[in-house]
């Protein structure tokens, strides 16, 4: 492709990434409003939140390999149409069940978008230096969406009904559907081989129980049901891997993992997201329920982190020309670890400055490192396998996020519960939000005492999670320095 057309294509490919990141953040703001309107049960509300990530994580590998076979542009446009239609269905849902179905369809559409955009960048930008810049812009779009989501969502909810947060997807998807056929080239594996339905079924059957088990841990702690679910998924995963090794034309080529740059980048991404998402689960609650900020004000205080994230992504390409990539990735993760360290200094009486500094360092460090590891992922794989490679990376991203919420969220909850005085009402022991609601029904003195103890206990949970983040990111930084050393990375042999 000519130079100018390449950048127009990139502009179109950033659109779905921007929307997905916005979509990840606005639902949390809309939940109180849609709950009042649709009156979902507790189980239905959990499915409204979780079904999207279930479908996304379960279908990423299948969709990535499907794009390699039928064409990545074709799959992207099909997914965009599905995502837009599902957004309309979600916006005008009249029951909780209808919204759950719409969120499931959004997950199916979303599973086609992320691997398709990254793999098309691999096909469009054949020059490694230009490709790195393109991935930096792609990553910056994702960081930008994370900031736009809360602010835009808060504004829409103040002026319109809850369904408006879903309708913002529609015009963007229309632009993608109209412009995509003109500026995006088609790309596929020229020799994809036969499609194996059993492999497709096994990939889905392996992922869904694992994600479901992780979600159960996040909601109820470590239980027998959660352990059995994860073990079933892992067992089916073993069956899937053994089948891929036996097939002459596997759905997922496991030889990709023989490249240390590829496998090291996937693991680095997963652990980085593990730490980051675990913190994102707690800090918004800290800002709103401990410091007393409104959702929109809390979102505005997070904007410096987004600016740092965009800057980190864009600087990555420039710095990589001058500094070894393994050193940059490791350095970015260690900067993020320092951000976690700053968060250990917050208190129940204040700490907004520490939160802003912490998230700014986190945003810049993680964005810098993941821009470079995403580049390594798609550069390490052959062009014809770009969809599968991108899907593996995105699956690691989703699993890291799910594990971060489950494990670090469970640890924080355990610390919170143990920090409350004996005899505290069970409704207040579940969550900090529950404590705030319970305090409103007590006499002023007792309510204030409960709030003070609950806020202090929650802050201690933030401290423990922050220290865990320091440990995880420090380890990941050292691991990245070793695994991503160019001298030790071998080429993938197909």
Protein backbone atom coordinates (compact mmCIF):
# COMPACT_ATOMS: atom_id res chain seq x y z
CA UNK A 1 0.00 0.00 0.00
CA UNK A 2 1.10 3.58 -0.66
CA UNK A 3 2.26 5.55 2.35
CA UNK A 4 -0.74 7.91 2.65
CA UNK A 5 -3.26 5.11 2.21
CA UNK A 6 -1.51 3.12 4.95
CA UNK A 7 -2.19 5.86 7.47
CA UNK A 8 -5.81 6.24 6.38
CA UNK A 9 -6.17 2.50 6.91
CA UNK A 10 -4.63 2.84 10.37
CA UNK A 11 -7.10 5.63 11.24
CA UNK A 12 -9.95 3.25 10.40
CA UNK A 13 -8.38 0.39 12.37
CA UNK A 14 -8.06 2.55 15.50
CA UNK A 15 -11.85 3.12 15.55
CA UNK A 16 -12.89 -0.35 16.81
CA UNK A 17 -10.06 -0.38 19.36
CA UNK A 18 -11.20 3.00 20.68
CA UNK A 19 -14.78 1.75 20.96
CA UNK A 20 -13.88 -1.49 22.72
CA UNK A 21 -11.91 0.40 25.37
CA UNK A 22 -14.79 2.86 25.82
CA UNK A 23 -17.24 -0.05 26.07
CA UNK A 24 -15.12 -1.64 28.81
CA UNK A 25 -15.53 1.41 31.05
CA UNK A 26 -19.02 2.85 30.51
CA UNK A 27 -21.06 -0.14 31.71
CA UNK A 28 -19.97 0.33 35.31
CA UNK A 29 -21.40 3.86 35.29
CA UNK A 30 -24.64 2.71 33.66
CA UNK A 31 -25.31 -0.22 36.03
CA UNK A 32 -27.15 1.74 38.77
CA UNK A 33 -29.45 3.33 36.14
CA UNK A 34 -30.24 0.19 34.17
CA UNK A 35 -30.71 -1.76 37.42
CA UNK A 36 -33.38 0.72 38.50
CA UNK A 37 -35.11 0.48 35.10
CA UNK A 38 -34.83 -3.25 34.34
CA UNK A 39 -34.75 -4.53 37.96
CA UNK A 40 -32.39 -7.47 37.29
CA UNK A 41 -31.84 -10.12 39.96
CA UNK A 42 -28.37 -10.39 41.47
CA UNK A 43 -27.55 -13.29 39.16
CA UNK A 44 -28.85 -11.42 36.10
CA UNK A 45 -26.78 -8.35 36.95
CA UNK A 46 -23.65 -10.53 37.15
CA UNK A 47 -24.44 -12.02 33.74
CA UNK A 48 -24.97 -8.54 32.26
CA UNK A 49 -21.43 -7.68 33.36
CA UNK A 50 -19.73 -11.03 32.73
CA UNK A 51 -21.25 -12.46 29.55
CA UNK A 52 -19.31 -10.02 27.36
CA UNK A 53 -15.92 -11.17 28.68
CA UNK A 54 -17.01 -14.83 28.57
CA UNK A 55 -17.81 -14.64 24.87
CA UNK A 56 -14.77 -12.49 24.12
CA UNK A 57 -12.26 -14.76 25.86
CA UNK A 58 -13.86 -17.93 24.55
CA UNK A 59 -13.96 -16.88 20.90
CA UNK A 60 -10.74 -14.91 20.37
CA UNK A 61 -8.62 -17.86 19.21
CA UNK A 62 -11.38 -19.17 16.96
CA UNK A 63 -11.99 -15.74 15.41
CA UNK A 64 -8.29 -15.11 14.90
CA UNK A 65 -7.81 -18.32 12.95
CA UNK A 66 -11.12 -17.78 11.13
CA UNK A 67 -9.85 -14.38 9.93
CA UNK A 68 -6.70 -16.03 8.60
CA UNK A 69 -8.95 -18.36 6.57
CA UNK A 70 -11.82 -16.24 5.25
CA UNK A 71 -10.05 -12.86 5.22
CA UNK A 72 -9.30 -10.47 8.06
CA UNK A 73 -11.01 -7.48 6.47
CA UNK A 74 -14.14 -9.53 5.80
CA UNK A 75 -14.23 -10.76 9.40
CA UNK A 76 -13.62 -7.24 10.74
CA UNK A 77 -16.51 -5.79 8.73
CA UNK A 78 -18.81 -8.66 9.69
CA UNK A 79 -17.88 -8.13 13.34
CA UNK A 80 -18.42 -4.38 13.07
CA UNK A 81 -21.93 -4.92 11.71
CA UNK A 82 -22.70 -7.38 14.52
CA UNK A 83 -21.25 -5.02 17.14
CA UNK A 84 -23.33 -2.10 15.87
CA UNK A 85 -26.55 -4.13 15.74
CA UNK A 86 -25.95 -5.58 19.21
CA UNK A 87 -25.34 -2.06 20.54
CA UNK A 88 -28.79 -0.96 19.32
CA UNK A 89 -30.34 -4.07 20.88
CA UNK A 90 -28.59 -3.32 24.19
CA UNK A 91 -29.62 0.34 24.16
CA UNK A 92 -33.32 -0.46 23.74
CA UNK A 93 -33.47 -3.60 25.90
CA UNK A 94 -36.72 -3.88 27.81
CA UNK A 95 -35.70 -6.70 30.15
CA UNK A 96 -32.58 -7.98 31.87
CA UNK A 97 -32.66 -11.14 29.75
CA UNK A 98 -32.76 -9.09 26.55
CA UNK A 99 -29.75 -7.08 27.72
CA UNK A 100 -27.82 -10.26 28.57
CA UNK A 101 -28.42 -11.54 25.01
CA UNK A 102 -27.31 -8.19 23.59
CA UNK A 103 -24.13 -8.22 25.70
CA UNK A 104 -23.38 -11.76 24.50
CA UNK A 105 -23.71 -10.60 20.89
CA UNK A 106 -21.42 -7.65 21.69
CA UNK A 107 -18.86 -10.15 22.96
CA UNK A 108 -19.08 -12.16 19.73
CA UNK A 109 -18.62 -9.00 17.66
CA UNK A 110 -15.79 -7.80 19.89
CA UNK A 111 -13.94 -11.09 19.48
CA UNK A 112 -13.61 -10.39 15.75
CA UNK A 113 -12.41 -6.79 16.12
CA UNK A 114 -9.23 -6.86 18.22
CA UNK A 115 -7.36 -9.72 16.44
CA UNK A 116 -8.47 -8.42 13.04
CA UNK A 117 -7.18 -4.90 13.64
CA UNK A 118 -3.78 -6.01 14.92
CA UNK A 119 -3.30 -8.63 12.21
CA UNK A 120 -4.28 -6.17 9.46
CA UNK A 121 -1.65 -3.76 10.77
CA UNK A 122 0.85 -6.61 10.28
CA UNK A 123 -0.28 -6.98 6.67
CA UNK A 124 -0.49 -3.26 5.84
CA UNK A 125 2.77 -2.10 7.42
CA UNK A 126 5.45 -4.42 6.08
CA UNK A 127 8.29 -2.08 7.06
CA UNK A 128 9.22 -2.88 10.71
CA UNK A 129 9.83 0.76 11.70
CA UNK A 130 6.54 1.98 10.27
CA UNK A 131 4.73 -0.99 11.79
CA UNK A 132 6.06 -0.13 15.24
CA UNK A 133 4.77 3.44 14.85
CA UNK A 134 1.40 2.08 13.68
CA UNK A 135 1.13 -0.20 16.71
CA UNK A 136 2.05 2.76 18.93
CA UNK A 137 -0.88 4.74 17.47
CA UNK A 138 -3.14 1.67 17.85
CA UNK A 139 -2.12 1.35 21.53
CA UNK A 140 -2.59 5.08 22.09
CA UNK A 141 -6.15 4.75 20.74
CA UNK A 142 -6.84 2.04 23.31
CA UNK A 143 -5.46 4.23 26.14
CA UNK A 144 -7.47 7.20 24.89
CA UNK A 145 -10.67 5.21 24.93
CA UNK A 146 -10.11 4.19 28.55
CA UNK A 147 -10.17 7.88 29.49
CA UNK A 148 -12.97 8.98 27.19
CA UNK A 149 -15.26 6.20 28.42
CA UNK A 150 -15.86 7.35 32.03
CA UNK A 151 -16.13 11.05 31.13
CA UNK A 152 -18.41 10.50 28.13
CA UNK A 153 -20.44 7.90 29.99
CA UNK A 154 -20.94 10.21 32.97
CA UNK A 155 -22.04 13.08 30.73
CA UNK A 156 -24.48 10.92 28.76
CA UNK A 157 -26.03 9.50 31.93
CA UNK A 158 -26.57 13.01 33.28
CA UNK A 159 -28.43 14.09 30.12
CA UNK A 160 -29.98 10.92 28.59
CA UNK A 161 -31.16 7.43 29.54
CA UNK A 162 -28.77 4.55 30.29
CA UNK A 163 -29.08 3.07 26.77
CA UNK A 164 -27.27 6.08 25.31
CA UNK A 165 -23.92 4.66 26.47
CA UNK A 166 -24.40 1.80 24.00
CA UNK A 167 -25.58 3.96 21.11
CA UNK A 168 -22.24 5.78 20.90
CA UNK A 169 -20.95 2.61 19.20
CA UNK A 170 -23.29 2.88 16.23
CA UNK A 171 -21.95 5.93 14.31
CA UNK A 172 -18.36 4.75 14.76
CA UNK A 173 -19.22 1.29 13.41
CA UNK A 174 -21.00 2.92 10.45
CA UNK A 175 -17.85 4.89 9.60
CA UNK A 176 -15.85 1.65 9.76
CA UNK A 177 -18.33 -0.19 7.52
CA UNK A 178 -18.39 2.61 4.93
CA UNK A 179 -14.65 3.42 4.86
CA UNK A 180 -13.27 -0.06 5.51
CA UNK A 181 -13.85 -1.55 2.03
CA UNK A 182 -12.07 1.42 0.42
CA UNK A 183 -8.96 1.79 2.60
CA UNK A 184 -8.39 -1.68 4.08
CA UNK A 185 -6.78 -4.42 1.97
CA UNK A 186 -7.90 -8.01 2.28
CA UNK A 187 -5.41 -10.38 3.92
CA UNK A 188 -5.59 -14.09 4.64
CA UNK A 189 -3.50 -17.22 4.88
CA UNK A 190 -3.01 -18.39 1.26
CA UNK A 191 -2.89 -22.03 2.39
CA UNK A 192 -5.14 -22.25 5.42
CA UNK A 193 -5.83 -25.98 5.19
CA UNK A 194 -9.04 -27.67 6.22
CA UNK A 195 -11.15 -26.19 8.99
CA UNK A 196 -11.44 -28.54 11.99
CA UNK A 197 -14.81 -28.09 13.75
CA UNK A 198 -13.73 -30.23 16.71
CA UNK A 199 -10.73 -27.97 17.37
CA UNK A 200 -13.02 -24.95 17.26
CA UNK A 201 -15.39 -26.58 19.74
CA UNK A 202 -12.54 -27.61 22.03
CA UNK A 203 -11.05 -24.11 22.06
CA UNK A 204 -14.38 -22.68 23.21
CA UNK A 205 -15.03 -25.54 25.65
CA UNK A 206 -11.59 -25.06 27.22
CA UNK A 207 -11.76 -21.29 27.63
CA UNK A 208 -15.29 -20.84 28.98
CA UNK A 209 -14.95 -23.04 32.13
CA UNK A 210 -11.61 -21.40 32.99
CA UNK A 211 -13.04 -17.88 32.69
CA UNK A 212 -16.20 -18.93 34.56
CA UNK A 213 -14.14 -20.41 37.40
CA UNK A 214 -12.06 -17.25 37.64
CA UNK A 215 -15.22 -15.16 37.81
CA UNK A 216 -16.57 -17.37 40.60
CA UNK A 217 -13.38 -16.79 42.59
CA UNK A 218 -13.77 -13.04 42.11
CA UNK A 219 -17.37 -13.13 43.35
CA UNK A 220 -17.34 -15.82 46.07
CA UNK A 221 -13.71 -16.62 46.84
CA UNK A 222 -12.05 -19.99 46.33
CA UNK A 223 -14.77 -22.66 46.21
CA UNK A 224 -15.01 -26.27 45.07
CA UNK A 225 -17.25 -25.22 42.18
CA UNK A 226 -14.69 -22.69 40.98
CA UNK A 227 -11.83 -25.19 41.24
CA UNK A 228 -13.78 -27.89 39.37
CA UNK A 229 -14.70 -25.44 36.62
CA UNK A 230 -11.07 -24.36 36.11
CA UNK A 231 -9.85 -27.98 36.17
CA UNK A 232 -12.42 -28.99 33.54
CA UNK A 233 -11.28 -26.13 31.33
CA UNK A 234 -7.61 -27.01 31.79
CA UNK A 235 -8.29 -30.67 31.01
CA UNK A 236 -10.10 -29.73 27.80
CA UNK A 237 -7.22 -27.37 27.03
CA UNK A 238 -4.81 -30.30 27.23
CA UNK A 239 -7.03 -32.24 24.82
CA UNK A 240 -7.06 -29.22 22.47
CA UNK A 241 -3.25 -28.89 22.56
CA UNK A 242 -2.72 -32.61 21.91
CA UNK A 243 -5.10 -32.49 18.97
CA UNK A 244 -3.28 -29.49 17.48
CA UNK A 245 0.03 -31.34 17.75
CA UNK A 246 -1.41 -34.36 15.91
CA UNK A 247 -3.08 -32.49 13.05
CA UNK A 248 -1.19 -31.83 9.82
CA UNK A 249 -3.18 -28.59 9.45
CA UNK A 250 -3.92 -27.40 13.02
CA UNK A 251 -6.34 -24.62 13.82
CA UNK A 252 -3.72 -23.08 16.11
CA UNK A 253 -0.07 -23.56 15.20
CA UNK A 254 1.68 -24.14 18.53
CA UNK A 255 5.08 -23.68 16.88
CA UNK A 256 4.50 -19.97 17.44
CA UNK A 257 5.39 -20.53 21.08
CA UNK A 258 8.86 -21.82 20.17
CA UNK A 259 9.85 -18.19 19.55
CA UNK A 260 10.96 -16.67 22.84
CA UNK A 261 10.04 -13.18 21.68
CA UNK A 262 6.48 -14.34 20.95
CA UNK A 263 5.89 -16.45 24.07
CA UNK A 264 7.72 -13.96 26.31
CA UNK A 265 5.63 -11.08 24.98
CA UNK A 266 2.36 -12.94 25.53
CA UNK A 267 3.29 -13.78 29.13
CA UNK A 268 4.55 -10.24 29.76
CA UNK A 269 1.26 -8.78 28.49
CA UNK A 270 -0.78 -11.17 30.61
CA UNK A 271 1.09 -10.40 33.84
CA UNK A 272 1.10 -6.66 33.18
CA UNK A 273 -2.67 -6.65 32.67
CA UNK A 274 -3.09 -8.95 35.70
CA UNK A 275 -1.57 -6.30 37.97
CA UNK A 276 -3.21 -3.31 36.25
CA UNK A 277 -6.78 -4.65 36.18
CA UNK A 278 -6.60 -5.81 39.78
CA UNK A 279 -5.93 -2.22 40.74
CA UNK A 280 -8.58 -0.78 38.40
CA UNK A 281 -11.10 -2.88 40.32
CA UNK A 282 -10.27 -1.03 43.56
CA UNK A 283 -9.17 2.53 42.82
CA UNK A 284 -12.50 3.86 41.42
CA UNK A 285 -14.16 2.65 44.63
CA UNK A 286 -11.44 4.32 46.68
CA UNK A 287 -11.90 7.64 44.87
CA UNK A 288 -15.70 7.61 45.15
CA UNK A 289 -16.46 5.81 48.42
CA UNK A 290 -13.40 6.70 50.51
CA UNK A 291 -12.52 10.17 49.20
CA UNK A 292 -16.13 11.02 48.29
CA UNK A 293 -15.60 12.13 44.68
CA UNK A 294 -18.41 11.98 42.12
CA UNK A 295 -17.96 9.53 39.18
CA UNK A 296 -17.23 12.31 36.67
CA UNK A 297 -14.75 14.09 38.96
CA UNK A 298 -13.04 10.77 39.72
CA UNK A 299 -12.78 10.10 35.98
CA UNK A 300 -11.29 13.55 35.36
CA UNK A 301 -8.57 12.92 37.96
CA UNK A 302 -7.64 9.81 35.95
CA UNK A 303 -6.97 11.85 32.79
CA UNK A 304 -3.25 12.42 33.57
CA UNK A 305 -2.83 8.64 33.51
CA UNK A 306 -4.41 8.52 30.07
CA UNK A 307 -2.16 11.28 28.76
CA UNK A 308 0.80 9.31 30.09
CA UNK A 309 -0.56 6.16 28.44
CA UNK A 310 -0.88 7.84 25.05
CA UNK A 311 2.58 9.41 25.43
CA UNK A 312 4.11 6.07 26.47
CA UNK A 313 2.65 4.33 23.43
CA UNK A 314 3.83 7.02 21.00
CA UNK A 315 7.28 7.30 22.60
CA UNK A 316 7.78 3.55 22.36
CA UNK A 317 8.45 3.62 18.60
CA UNK A 318 10.90 6.53 18.90
CA UNK A 319 12.78 5.05 21.85
CA UNK A 320 13.01 1.61 20.22
CA UNK A 321 15.25 3.13 17.53
CA UNK A 322 17.79 4.05 20.19
CA UNK A 323 17.40 1.60 23.05
CA UNK A 324 17.20 -2.20 23.08
CA UNK A 325 13.58 -3.38 23.17
CA UNK A 326 14.08 -5.83 26.04
CA UNK A 327 15.50 -2.99 28.15
CA UNK A 328 12.60 -0.68 27.24
CA UNK A 329 9.93 -3.26 28.07
CA UNK A 330 11.63 -4.10 31.35
CA UNK A 331 12.08 -0.41 32.18
CA UNK A 332 8.42 0.38 31.44
CA UNK A 333 7.27 -2.38 33.78
CA UNK A 334 9.62 -1.23 36.54
CA UNK A 335 8.27 2.34 36.19
CA UNK A 336 4.77 0.86 36.57
CA UNK A 337 5.96 -1.01 39.67
CA UNK A 338 7.07 2.33 41.17
CA UNK A 339 3.53 3.55 40.44
CA UNK A 340 2.16 0.71 42.54
CA UNK A 341 4.64 1.62 45.26
CA UNK A 342 3.22 5.17 45.38
CA UNK A 343 -0.23 3.71 45.96
CA UNK A 344 0.91 2.08 49.21
CA UNK A 345 1.05 5.59 50.69
CA UNK A 346 -2.67 6.43 50.39
CA UNK A 347 -4.76 6.66 53.54
CA UNK A 348 -8.45 6.63 54.40
CA UNK A 349 -8.19 10.35 55.17
CA UNK A 350 -6.66 11.37 51.85
CA UNK A 351 -4.28 10.38 49.11
CA UNK A 352 -5.58 11.81 45.84
CA UNK A 353 -2.11 13.06 44.85
CA UNK A 354 -0.63 9.58 45.37
CA UNK A 355 -3.39 8.05 43.23
CA UNK A 356 -2.76 10.51 40.39
CA UNK A 357 1.03 9.96 40.52
CA UNK A 358 0.54 6.20 40.77
CA UNK A 359 -1.76 5.92 37.79
CA UNK A 360 0.32 8.30 35.71
CA UNK A 361 3.40 6.10 36.19
CA UNK A 362 1.30 2.98 35.61
CA UNK A 363 -0.30 4.35 32.47
CA UNK A 364 2.98 5.44 30.93
CA UNK A 365 4.98 2.36 31.92
CA UNK A 366 2.46 -0.31 30.95
CA UNK A 367 1.54 1.44 27.69
CA UNK A 368 5.22 1.72 26.70
CA UNK A 369 5.93 -1.95 27.40
CA UNK A 370 2.75 -3.36 25.84
CA UNK A 371 3.14 -1.34 22.65
CA UNK A 372 6.52 -3.01 22.14
CA UNK A 373 5.38 -6.50 23.15
CA UNK A 374 2.40 -6.28 20.76
CA UNK A 375 4.85 -5.38 18.01
CA UNK A 376 7.01 -8.38 18.94
CA UNK A 377 3.98 -10.69 18.90
CA UNK A 378 2.90 -9.90 15.35
CA UNK A 379 6.47 -9.47 14.06
CA UNK A 380 7.52 -12.89 15.37
CA UNK A 381 4.71 -14.70 13.56
CA UNK A 382 4.60 -15.28 9.79
CA UNK A 383 2.31 -12.84 7.97
CA UNK A 384 -0.15 -15.59 7.05
CA UNK A 385 -0.58 -16.50 10.76
CA UNK A 386 -1.01 -12.92 11.98
CA UNK A 387 -4.65 -13.44 12.96
CA UNK A 388 -3.90 -16.47 15.12
CA UNK A 389 -0.91 -14.74 16.71
CA UNK A 390 -2.96 -11.62 17.52
CA UNK A 391 -5.75 -13.75 18.96
CA UNK A 392 -3.33 -15.57 21.28
CA UNK A 393 -2.02 -12.23 22.52
CA UNK A 394 -5.54 -10.89 23.10
CA UNK A 395 -6.58 -14.10 24.88
CA UNK A 396 -3.63 -13.67 27.24
CA UNK A 397 -4.79 -10.08 27.77
CA UNK A 398 -8.32 -11.22 28.67
CA UNK A 399 -7.10 -14.01 30.95
CA UNK A 400 -4.73 -11.62 32.70
CA UNK A 401 -7.59 -9.20 33.31
CA UNK A 402 -9.89 -11.93 34.60
CA UNK A 403 -7.20 -13.35 36.89
CA UNK A 404 -6.30 -9.90 38.17
CA UNK A 405 -9.89 -9.15 39.12
CA UNK A 406 -10.38 -12.60 40.66
CA UNK A 407 -7.16 -13.09 42.60
CA UNK A 408 -6.22 -9.55 43.60
CA UNK A 409 -9.89 -8.63 44.10
CA UNK A 410 -10.34 -11.65 46.39
CA UNK A 411 -7.22 -10.77 48.38
CA UNK A 412 -8.42 -7.17 48.81
CA UNK A 413 -11.87 -8.38 49.88
CA UNK A 414 -10.36 -10.75 52.44
CA UNK A 415 -8.23 -7.93 53.88
CA UNK A 416 -11.29 -5.65 53.96
CA UNK A 417 -13.43 -8.21 55.81
CA UNK A 418 -10.70 -9.01 58.33
CA UNK A 419 -10.23 -5.30 59.06
CA UNK A 420 -13.82 -4.74 60.15
CA UNK A 421 -14.78 -4.94 63.85
CA UNK A 422 -16.47 -8.07 65.21
CA UNK A 423 -20.23 -7.92 64.94
CA UNK A 424 -20.29 -5.76 61.79
CA UNK A 425 -23.45 -6.45 59.76
CA UNK A 426 -22.96 -8.96 56.96
CA UNK A 427 -24.27 -6.49 54.39
CA UNK A 428 -21.42 -4.16 55.33
CA UNK A 429 -18.82 -6.95 55.30
CA UNK A 430 -19.47 -7.85 51.65
CA UNK A 431 -18.37 -4.60 50.00
CA UNK A 432 -17.49 -1.02 50.84
CA UNK A 433 -20.61 0.03 48.93
CA UNK A 434 -22.62 -2.24 51.24
CA UNK A 435 -21.07 -0.56 54.26
CA UNK A 436 -22.00 2.89 52.92
CA UNK A 437 -25.60 1.74 52.34
CA UNK A 438 -25.80 0.12 55.80
CA UNK A 439 -24.45 3.24 57.51
CA UNK A 440 -27.32 5.29 56.12
CA UNK A 441 -29.79 3.23 58.17
CA UNK A 442 -27.92 3.59 61.49
CA UNK A 443 -27.93 6.47 63.94
CA UNK A 444 -25.36 9.16 62.99
CA UNK A 445 -22.69 8.13 65.51
CA UNK A 446 -22.87 4.40 64.70
CA UNK A 447 -23.03 5.11 60.98
CA UNK A 448 -19.96 7.35 61.13
CA UNK A 449 -18.05 4.73 63.14
CA UNK A 450 -18.93 2.04 60.58
CA UNK A 451 -17.87 4.27 57.67
CA UNK A 452 -14.53 5.10 59.29
CA UNK A 453 -13.69 1.46 60.02
CA UNK A 454 -14.89 0.31 56.56
CA UNK A 455 -12.87 2.98 54.75
CA UNK A 456 -9.76 2.16 56.77
CA UNK A 457 -10.20 -1.57 56.08
CA UNK A 458 -10.71 -0.94 52.38
CA UNK A 459 -7.60 1.24 52.24
CA UNK A 460 -5.61 -1.58 53.83
CA UNK A 461 -6.90 -3.84 51.05
CA UNK A 462 -5.63 -1.31 48.50
CA UNK A 463 -2.21 -1.36 50.21
CA UNK A 464 -1.94 -5.15 50.06
CA UNK A 465 -3.00 -5.18 46.41
CA UNK A 466 -0.50 -2.44 45.60
CA UNK A 467 2.35 -4.41 47.20
CA UNK A 468 1.27 -7.47 45.20
CA UNK A 469 1.36 -5.31 42.05
CA UNK A 470 4.89 -4.17 42.90
CA UNK A 471 6.01 -7.79 43.20
CA UNK A 472 4.27 -8.96 40.00
CA UNK A 473 5.52 -6.09 37.84
CA UNK A 474 9.06 -6.25 39.21
CA UNK A 475 9.17 -9.98 38.41
CA UNK A 476 7.63 -9.39 34.98
CA UNK A 477 10.18 -6.68 34.22
CA UNK A 478 13.09 -8.98 35.03
CA UNK A 479 11.49 -11.83 33.06
CA UNK A 480 10.94 -9.58 30.05
CA UNK A 481 14.58 -8.48 30.09
CA UNK A 482 15.68 -12.13 29.91
CA UNK A 483 13.08 -13.56 27.49
CA UNK A 484 12.95 -10.67 25.05
CA UNK A 485 16.70 -10.37 24.57
CA UNK A 486 17.06 -10.32 20.78
CA UNK A 487 20.26 -12.38 20.88
CA UNK A 488 18.43 -15.26 22.56
CA UNK A 489 15.20 -15.17 20.55
CA UNK A 490 14.92 -17.77 17.84
CA UNK A 491 12.90 -17.45 14.66
CA UNK A 492 9.70 -19.39 14.26
CA UNK A 493 10.14 -22.29 11.91
CA UNK A 494 7.00 -23.35 10.10
